[in-house]
Protein backbone atom coordinates (compact mmCIF):
# COMPACT_ATOMS: atom_id res chain seq x y z
CA MET A 1 -64.85 70.67 -38.88
CA MET A 2 -68.22 71.47 -39.61
CA LEU A 3 -68.94 71.81 -43.42
CA PRO A 4 -69.50 75.72 -44.06
CA VAL A 5 -72.87 75.10 -46.09
CA ARG A 6 -73.41 78.82 -46.29
CA GLU A 7 -70.23 79.62 -47.67
CA ILE A 8 -70.56 76.67 -50.29
CA GLY A 9 -74.15 77.83 -51.33
CA ARG A 10 -72.61 81.13 -51.72
CA GLN A 11 -69.80 80.02 -53.87
CA LEU A 12 -72.00 77.68 -55.94
CA ALA A 13 -74.46 80.42 -56.72
CA ALA A 14 -71.29 83.02 -57.41
CA HIS A 15 -69.86 80.59 -60.09
CA ALA A 16 -73.15 79.75 -61.67
CA PRO A 17 -72.72 82.77 -64.20
CA PHE A 18 -68.89 81.83 -65.05
CA THR A 19 -70.13 78.14 -65.77
CA ALA A 20 -72.70 79.55 -68.10
CA LEU A 21 -69.88 81.48 -69.82
CA GLY A 22 -67.87 78.37 -70.22
CA THR A 23 -70.83 76.55 -71.67
CA LEU A 24 -71.51 79.20 -74.14
CA SER A 25 -67.68 78.95 -75.14
CA GLY A 26 -68.21 75.16 -75.84
CA ILE A 27 -71.35 75.73 -77.87
CA ILE A 28 -69.68 78.25 -79.93
CA LEU A 29 -66.76 75.65 -80.40
CA LEU A 30 -69.37 73.11 -81.29
CA LEU A 31 -70.72 75.52 -83.93
CA LEU A 32 -67.29 76.32 -85.37
CA LEU A 33 -66.20 72.86 -85.63
CA SER A 34 -69.28 71.54 -87.10
CA SER A 35 -69.30 74.41 -89.56
CA VAL A 36 -65.82 73.18 -91.12
CA ARG A 37 -66.94 69.36 -90.72
CA VAL A 38 -63.98 68.44 -88.41
CA LEU A 39 -65.99 67.95 -85.25
CA THR A 40 -66.04 64.03 -85.13
CA SER A 41 -62.38 63.56 -86.51
CA VAL A 42 -60.76 65.99 -84.05
CA SER A 43 -63.12 65.28 -80.93
CA GLU A 44 -61.17 62.29 -79.39
CA PRO A 45 -57.85 63.83 -79.90
CA LEU A 46 -58.78 67.00 -77.92
CA PHE A 47 -60.54 65.29 -75.15
CA TRP A 48 -57.25 63.53 -74.54
CA ILE A 49 -55.32 66.73 -74.52
CA LEU A 50 -57.99 68.79 -72.46
CA HIS A 51 -58.65 66.03 -69.86
CA PRO A 52 -55.03 65.77 -68.77
CA ALA A 53 -54.68 69.39 -68.50
CA HIS A 54 -58.10 69.68 -66.55
CA VAL A 55 -56.54 67.03 -64.08
CA PHE A 56 -53.45 68.73 -63.78
CA VAL A 57 -55.01 72.36 -62.97
CA SER A 58 -57.68 70.80 -60.99
CA ALA A 59 -55.02 68.89 -58.61
CA TYR A 60 -53.15 72.30 -57.96
CA VAL A 61 -56.51 74.23 -57.26
CA THR A 62 -57.73 71.49 -55.23
CA ALA A 63 -54.54 71.03 -53.18
CA ALA A 64 -53.74 74.79 -53.02
CA MET A 65 -57.08 75.38 -51.49
CA TYR A 66 -56.55 72.65 -48.77
CA ARG A 67 -53.38 74.08 -47.98
CA ARG A 68 -55.02 77.53 -47.38
CA ASN A 69 -57.55 75.94 -44.88
CA SER A 70 -55.82 73.43 -43.34
CA ARG A 71 -52.77 72.31 -41.15
CA GLY A 72 -52.80 68.59 -42.47
CA THR A 73 -50.03 66.36 -43.26
CA ILE A 74 -48.37 65.94 -46.61
CA TRP A 75 -50.22 62.62 -47.18
CA LYS A 76 -53.45 64.14 -46.52
CA LEU A 77 -52.50 67.03 -48.89
CA PHE A 78 -51.89 64.44 -51.60
CA CYS A 79 -54.95 62.21 -50.79
CA ILE A 80 -57.40 65.17 -51.26
CA GLY A 81 -55.29 66.83 -54.27
CA TYR A 82 -55.69 63.14 -55.86
CA LEU A 83 -59.20 62.29 -55.10
CA GLY A 84 -60.57 65.93 -55.62
CA SER A 85 -59.06 66.21 -59.12
CA VAL A 86 -58.52 62.68 -60.68
CA GLY A 87 -62.05 61.44 -59.12
CA ILE A 88 -64.08 64.34 -59.72
CA ALA A 89 -62.51 65.46 -63.22
CA THR A 90 -63.44 61.64 -64.30
CA LEU A 91 -67.03 62.34 -63.14
CA SER A 92 -67.18 65.77 -64.87
CA ASP A 93 -65.29 65.01 -68.26
CA SER A 94 -66.45 61.41 -68.61
CA VAL A 95 -69.30 59.92 -66.38
CA ILE A 96 -71.84 62.93 -66.88
CA PRO A 97 -71.03 63.47 -70.64
CA PHE A 98 -71.39 59.61 -71.13
CA LEU A 99 -75.09 59.88 -69.46
CA GLY A 100 -75.77 62.58 -71.92
CA GLU A 101 -74.58 60.53 -74.90
CA TRP A 102 -76.77 57.59 -73.51
CA LEU A 103 -79.70 59.73 -73.32
CA LEU A 104 -79.29 61.20 -76.70
CA ALA A 105 -78.57 57.60 -77.96
CA LEU A 106 -75.41 58.64 -79.85
CA PRO A 107 -74.10 56.06 -82.22
CA SER A 108 -70.61 55.97 -80.65
CA ARG A 109 -71.34 56.42 -76.96
CA HIS A 110 -68.60 55.14 -74.68
CA ILE A 111 -66.98 56.21 -71.53
CA HIS A 112 -63.27 57.07 -70.80
CA ILE A 113 -61.67 56.22 -67.50
CA GLY A 114 -58.34 58.49 -68.21
CA PHE A 115 -56.45 57.37 -65.03
CA ILE A 116 -56.97 53.71 -66.13
CA GLU A 117 -56.66 54.10 -69.84
CA LYS A 118 -53.78 56.34 -69.86
CA TRP A 119 -52.50 55.88 -66.30
CA TRP A 120 -48.84 56.72 -67.36
CA LEU A 121 -50.40 60.30 -68.21
CA ILE A 122 -53.04 61.11 -65.93
CA ASN A 123 -51.77 60.10 -62.60
CA PRO A 124 -48.35 61.80 -63.04
CA LEU A 125 -49.89 65.14 -63.90
CA ALA A 126 -52.38 64.91 -60.74
CA ILE A 127 -48.90 64.44 -58.69
CA GLY A 128 -47.33 67.14 -60.47
CA GLY A 129 -50.43 69.55 -59.76
CA ILE A 130 -50.19 68.65 -56.07
CA ALA A 131 -46.77 69.28 -55.98
CA LEU A 132 -46.86 72.60 -57.70
CA SER A 133 -49.48 73.45 -54.83
CA LEU A 134 -46.21 73.58 -52.31
CA PHE A 135 -44.81 76.35 -53.93
CA GLY A 136 -48.08 78.61 -54.00
CA THR A 137 -51.47 78.94 -53.26
CA ARG A 138 -53.12 81.41 -55.78
CA THR A 139 -56.38 79.84 -57.13
CA ARG A 140 -58.57 82.55 -58.76
CA PHE A 141 -57.05 82.35 -62.15
CA PRO A 142 -56.21 78.80 -62.25
CA HIS A 143 -59.94 78.08 -61.09
CA SER A 144 -61.07 79.96 -64.12
CA ILE A 145 -58.67 77.94 -66.38
CA HIS A 146 -60.20 74.94 -64.85
CA VAL A 147 -64.06 75.77 -65.69
CA PHE A 148 -62.81 76.06 -69.36
CA LEU A 149 -60.94 72.92 -69.45
CA SER A 150 -63.59 71.06 -67.90
CA THR A 151 -66.06 72.29 -70.24
CA TRP A 152 -64.10 71.64 -73.39
CA ALA A 153 -63.16 68.23 -72.37
CA SER A 154 -66.83 67.12 -71.32
CA LEU A 155 -67.78 68.47 -75.01
CA PHE A 156 -65.30 66.47 -76.81
CA HIS A 157 -66.28 63.64 -74.71
CA MET A 158 -69.52 63.85 -76.14
CA THR A 159 -68.83 64.72 -79.64
CA SER A 160 -66.57 61.74 -79.91
CA ALA A 161 -69.80 59.80 -79.91
CA MET A 162 -71.29 61.46 -82.93
CA TRP A 163 -71.18 60.30 -86.62
CA GLY A 164 -72.00 63.58 -88.19
CA ALA A 165 -73.17 67.09 -87.62
CA PRO A 166 -75.22 67.83 -84.28
CA ARG A 167 -78.73 68.08 -84.34
CA LEU A 168 -80.79 70.90 -82.69
CA VAL A 169 -81.81 68.51 -80.07
CA ASP A 170 -78.10 67.72 -79.61
CA PHE A 171 -77.18 71.68 -79.26
CA ILE A 172 -79.96 71.86 -76.42
CA ALA A 173 -78.91 68.78 -74.41
CA ILE A 174 -75.10 69.11 -74.71
CA SER A 175 -75.63 72.75 -73.31
CA ALA A 176 -77.52 71.54 -70.50
CA PHE A 177 -74.91 68.48 -69.56
CA LEU A 178 -71.99 70.81 -70.07
CA PHE A 179 -73.43 73.35 -67.24
CA LEU A 180 -74.15 70.17 -65.06
CA ALA A 181 -70.88 68.47 -65.73
CA VAL A 182 -68.80 71.76 -64.79
CA TRP A 183 -70.66 73.58 -62.25
CA ILE A 184 -71.30 70.96 -59.43
CA PRO A 185 -68.08 68.83 -59.78
CA CYS A 186 -65.76 71.55 -60.54
CA CYS A 187 -66.88 73.77 -57.56
CA THR A 188 -67.02 70.47 -55.46
CA SER A 189 -63.26 69.68 -56.51
CA ASP A 190 -61.99 73.48 -56.25
CA ILE A 191 -64.05 74.53 -53.18
CA VAL A 192 -66.20 72.01 -51.35
CA PHE A 193 -63.86 69.16 -51.24
CA PRO A 194 -60.91 70.95 -49.73
CA LEU A 195 -63.16 73.18 -47.35
CA LEU A 196 -64.65 69.92 -46.09
CA PHE A 197 -61.76 68.40 -44.99
CA GLY A 198 -59.59 71.51 -44.11
CA ASP A 199 -59.09 72.22 -40.55
CA ALA A 200 -56.49 74.92 -39.46
CA SER A 201 -56.78 73.48 -36.05
CA GLU A 202 -55.93 69.98 -37.12
CA PRO A 203 -52.77 68.66 -35.80
CA GLY A 204 -49.89 67.50 -37.90
CA THR A 205 -47.15 68.91 -39.99
CA ASN A 206 -48.16 72.54 -41.09
CA ILE A 207 -47.96 72.40 -44.95
CA ARG A 208 -49.38 75.79 -45.64
CA LYS A 209 -46.68 78.44 -47.12
CA LYS A 210 -46.10 81.23 -44.76
């Protein structure tokens, strides 16, 4: 199937304002937690709550989108759901935030690879999200949740690298990296990736819900 470039461009443009709203929510959280001086102490625990939740929701949305656009086998559904969630969530929540930490020279900069560090948590959640898509393919509300979870996970990956209150330059840079970390990876995971491999004419088991 030829990749529907116009549709992907339309979806990315349509999701930019909502991604900006998610970024704003992250900055508000940053301000609130900084004001009560608990930012650095809660950042890493919150990351390990939000990142797994992001993987679960992403796995469901990616797999559900694929099912709506494909007659592929259950194994292809699993591969696309897993790579589109675990792979892209790692990029969104860890790799891009780490680049921001490195550019800002944050003192405790690091990178978390969740599916390796906490394989016993991340991988079962990804499988659970994929399995859930077998019972339904509604994606609008889960995708909205996905954007906020990704935003907050990316935020707390970056703030866990800080030693104190963020500077003005940190606020500016974090805003930019939150937007980039969510907009392209999340749209890729939920929309581009399933459409790229989806093909209703593909032979094999029809795994779409009638």
